[in-house]
Amino acid sequence: MITSLQIFFEGNVQGVGFRWSVKRVAKGFDVTGWVRNLADGRVELQVSGDEAEVRAFVEAIGQSELRAHIRKQQESALANAPSARGFEIRHD
C-alpha cells in the first residue's frame, strides 16, 4: 500500500546540513519526495512510497545524527503523493 506523509521538523534544523542529510538517508530507501526549509525555521518533508519503506525511512532519520537537532516532529497523511523525481531538496 502506498503511503504519503508530510512531516514538519522543529528544533535546530536549519544551517546544520539537515536537508542534505535527509537526502543521503533517502538514498537507502525506495521513496520519492522532497525536503525544504521554511521561513519560520522548520523543515518540511513530503515523502511517498510503500508504507513499510516510508516508515523505515522516517525511523532512519530519527536514528541518524539528525536526532540531536530535532526537538519536535509533526506528521500528517497526504491525500496525494508529492510531485518529485526521486528524492530532492527544494529551494522554494
C-alpha atoms as a PDB file:
ATOM      1  CA  MET A   1       0.000   0.000   0.000  1.00  0.00           C
ATOM      2  CA  ILE A   2       1.347   3.429  -0.981  1.00  0.00           C
ATOM      3  CA  THR A   3       1.631   5.964   1.817  1.00  0.00           C
ATOM      4  CA  SER A   4       2.307   9.686   1.518  1.00  0.00           C
ATOM      5  CA  LEU A   5       3.321  11.746   4.542  1.00  0.00           C
ATOM      6  CA  GLN A   6       4.061  15.371   5.348  1.00  0.00           C
ATOM      7  CA  ILE A   7       6.382  15.875   8.310  1.00  0.00           C
ATOM      8  CA  PHE A   8       7.476  19.131   9.911  1.00  0.00           C
ATOM      9  CA  PHE A   9      10.700  19.080  11.921  1.00  0.00           C
ATOM     10  CA  GLU A  10      11.346  21.738  14.566  1.00  0.00           C
ATOM     11  CA  GLY A  11      14.490  22.465  16.530  1.00  0.00           C
ATOM     12  CA  ASN A  12      17.980  23.346  15.313  1.00  0.00           C
ATOM     13  CA  VAL A  13      17.149  22.057  11.833  1.00  0.00           C
ATOM     14  CA  GLN A  14      18.393  24.833   9.555  1.00  0.00           C
ATOM     15  CA  GLY A  15      22.020  25.672   8.852  1.00  0.00           C
ATOM     16  CA  VAL A  16      23.239  22.249  10.026  1.00  0.00           C
ATOM     17  CA  GLY A  17      23.068  20.231   6.786  1.00  0.00           C
ATOM     18  CA  PHE A  18      19.684  18.782   7.733  1.00  0.00           C
ATOM     19  CA  ARG A  19      18.232  18.666   4.201  1.00  0.00           C
ATOM     20  CA  TRP A  20      21.390  17.143   2.711  1.00  0.00           C
ATOM     21  CA  SER A  21      21.470  14.515   5.450  1.00  0.00           C
ATOM     22  CA  VAL A  22      17.800  13.630   4.839  1.00  0.00           C
ATOM     23  CA  LYS A  23      18.561  13.264   1.114  1.00  0.00           C
ATOM     24  CA  ARG A  24      21.519  11.000   1.939  1.00  0.00           C
ATOM     25  CA  VAL A  25      19.309   8.821   4.179  1.00  0.00           C
ATOM     26  CA  ALA A  26      16.665   8.664   1.402  1.00  0.00           C
ATOM     27  CA  LYS A  27      19.169   7.021  -0.968  1.00  0.00           C
ATOM     28  CA  GLY A  28      18.850   3.821   1.079  1.00  0.00           C
ATOM     29  CA  PHE A  29      15.081   3.617   0.607  1.00  0.00           C
ATOM     30  CA  ASP A  30      12.635   3.220  -2.272  1.00  0.00           C
ATOM     31  CA  VAL A  31      10.832   6.523  -1.650  1.00  0.00           C
ATOM     32  CA  THR A  32      10.107   9.689  -3.610  1.00  0.00           C
ATOM     33  CA  GLY A  33       9.580  13.181  -2.286  1.00  0.00           C
ATOM     34  CA  TRP A  34      11.351  16.305  -1.182  1.00  0.00           C
ATOM     35  CA  VAL A  35      12.621  18.298   1.773  1.00  0.00           C
ATOM     36  CA  ARG A  36      12.834  22.086   2.152  1.00  0.00           C
ATOM     37  CA  ASN A  37      13.482  24.848   4.685  1.00  0.00           C
ATOM     38  CA  LEU A  38      10.555  27.007   5.750  1.00  0.00           C
ATOM     39  CA  ALA A  39      10.718  30.732   6.590  1.00  0.00           C
ATOM     40  CA  ASP A  40       9.624  30.031  10.196  1.00  0.00           C
ATOM     41  CA  GLY A  41      12.729  27.916  10.916  1.00  0.00           C
ATOM     42  CA  ARG A  42      11.139  24.492  10.435  1.00  0.00           C
ATOM     43  CA  VAL A  43      11.982  21.898   7.787  1.00  0.00           C
ATOM     44  CA  GLU A  44       9.186  20.303   5.743  1.00  0.00           C
ATOM     45  CA  LEU A  45       9.440  16.769   4.375  1.00  0.00           C
ATOM     46  CA  GLN A  46       6.987  15.202   1.952  1.00  0.00           C
ATOM     47  CA  VAL A  47       7.576  11.553   1.161  1.00  0.00           C
ATOM     48  CA  SER A  48       5.735   8.780  -0.647  1.00  0.00           C
ATOM     49  CA  GLY A  49       6.255   5.065  -1.192  1.00  0.00           C
ATOM     50  CA  ASP A  50       5.339   1.661   0.125  1.00  0.00           C
ATOM     51  CA  GLU A  51       4.150   2.101   3.713  1.00  0.00           C
ATOM     52  CA  ALA A  52       6.923  -0.081   5.172  1.00  0.00           C
ATOM     53  CA  GLU A  53       9.596   1.829   3.192  1.00  0.00           C
ATOM     54  CA  VAL A  54       8.233   5.230   4.236  1.00  0.00           C
ATOM     55  CA  ARG A  55       8.072   4.198   7.899  1.00  0.00           C
ATOM     56  CA  ALA A  56      11.596   2.747   7.782  1.00  0.00           C
ATOM     57  CA  PHE A  57      12.876   5.945   6.121  1.00  0.00           C
ATOM     58  CA  VAL A  58      11.296   8.205   8.760  1.00  0.00           C
ATOM     59  CA  GLU A  59      12.654   5.946  11.504  1.00  0.00           C
ATOM     60  CA  ALA A  60      16.136   6.080   9.926  1.00  0.00           C
ATOM     61  CA  ILE A  61      16.018   9.904  10.026  1.00  0.00           C
ATOM     62  CA  GLY A  62      15.181   9.722  13.738  1.00  0.00           C
ATOM     63  CA  GLN A  63      18.049   7.311  14.389  1.00  0.00           C
ATOM     64  CA  SER A  64      20.642   9.259  12.393  1.00  0.00           C
ATOM     65  CA  GLU A  65      22.855  12.092  13.638  1.00  0.00           C
ATOM     66  CA  LEU A  66      19.885  14.386  12.894  1.00  0.00           C
ATOM     67  CA  ARG A  67      18.054  13.258  16.050  1.00  0.00           C
ATOM     68  CA  ALA A  68      20.204  15.685  18.077  1.00  0.00           C
ATOM     69  CA  HIS A  69      18.731  18.591  16.081  1.00  0.00           C
ATOM     70  CA  ILE A  70      15.053  17.574  16.186  1.00  0.00           C
ATOM     71  CA  ARG A  71      13.055  18.967  19.092  1.00  0.00           C
ATOM     72  CA  LYS A  72       9.596  18.241  17.674  1.00  0.00           C
ATOM     73  CA  GLN A  73       8.226  16.255  14.743  1.00  0.00           C
ATOM     74  CA  GLN A  74       4.660  16.664  13.471  1.00  0.00           C
ATOM     75  CA  GLU A  75       3.351  14.136  10.950  1.00  0.00           C
ATOM     76  CA  SER A  76       0.192  14.010   8.859  1.00  0.00           C
ATOM     77  CA  ALA A  77      -1.050  11.908   5.941  1.00  0.00           C
ATOM     78  CA  LEU A  78      -1.217  13.442   2.468  1.00  0.00           C
ATOM     79  CA  ALA A  79      -4.131  12.687   0.124  1.00  0.00           C
ATOM     80  CA  ASN A  80      -1.816  12.791  -2.909  1.00  0.00           C
ATOM     81  CA  ALA A  81       1.799  11.807  -3.413  1.00  0.00           C
ATOM     82  CA  PRO A  82       4.251  14.736  -3.600  1.00  0.00           C
ATOM     83  CA  SER A  83       5.334  15.541  -7.132  1.00  0.00           C
ATOM     84  CA  ALA A  84       9.019  14.726  -7.362  1.00  0.00           C
ATOM     85  CA  ARG A  85      11.511  12.789  -9.441  1.00  0.00           C
ATOM     86  CA  GLY A  86      13.306  10.611  -6.956  1.00  0.00           C
ATOM     87  CA  PHE A  87      14.096  12.458  -3.746  1.00  0.00           C
ATOM     88  CA  GLU A  88      15.120  16.087  -3.966  1.00  0.00           C
ATOM     89  CA  ILE A  89      15.929  19.201  -1.990  1.00  0.00           C
ATOM     90  CA  ARG A  90      13.573  22.053  -2.800  1.00  0.00           C
ATOM     91  CA  HIS A  91      14.641  25.690  -2.603  1.00  0.00           C
ATOM     92  CA  ASP A  92      11.227  27.365  -2.885  1.00  0.00           C
END
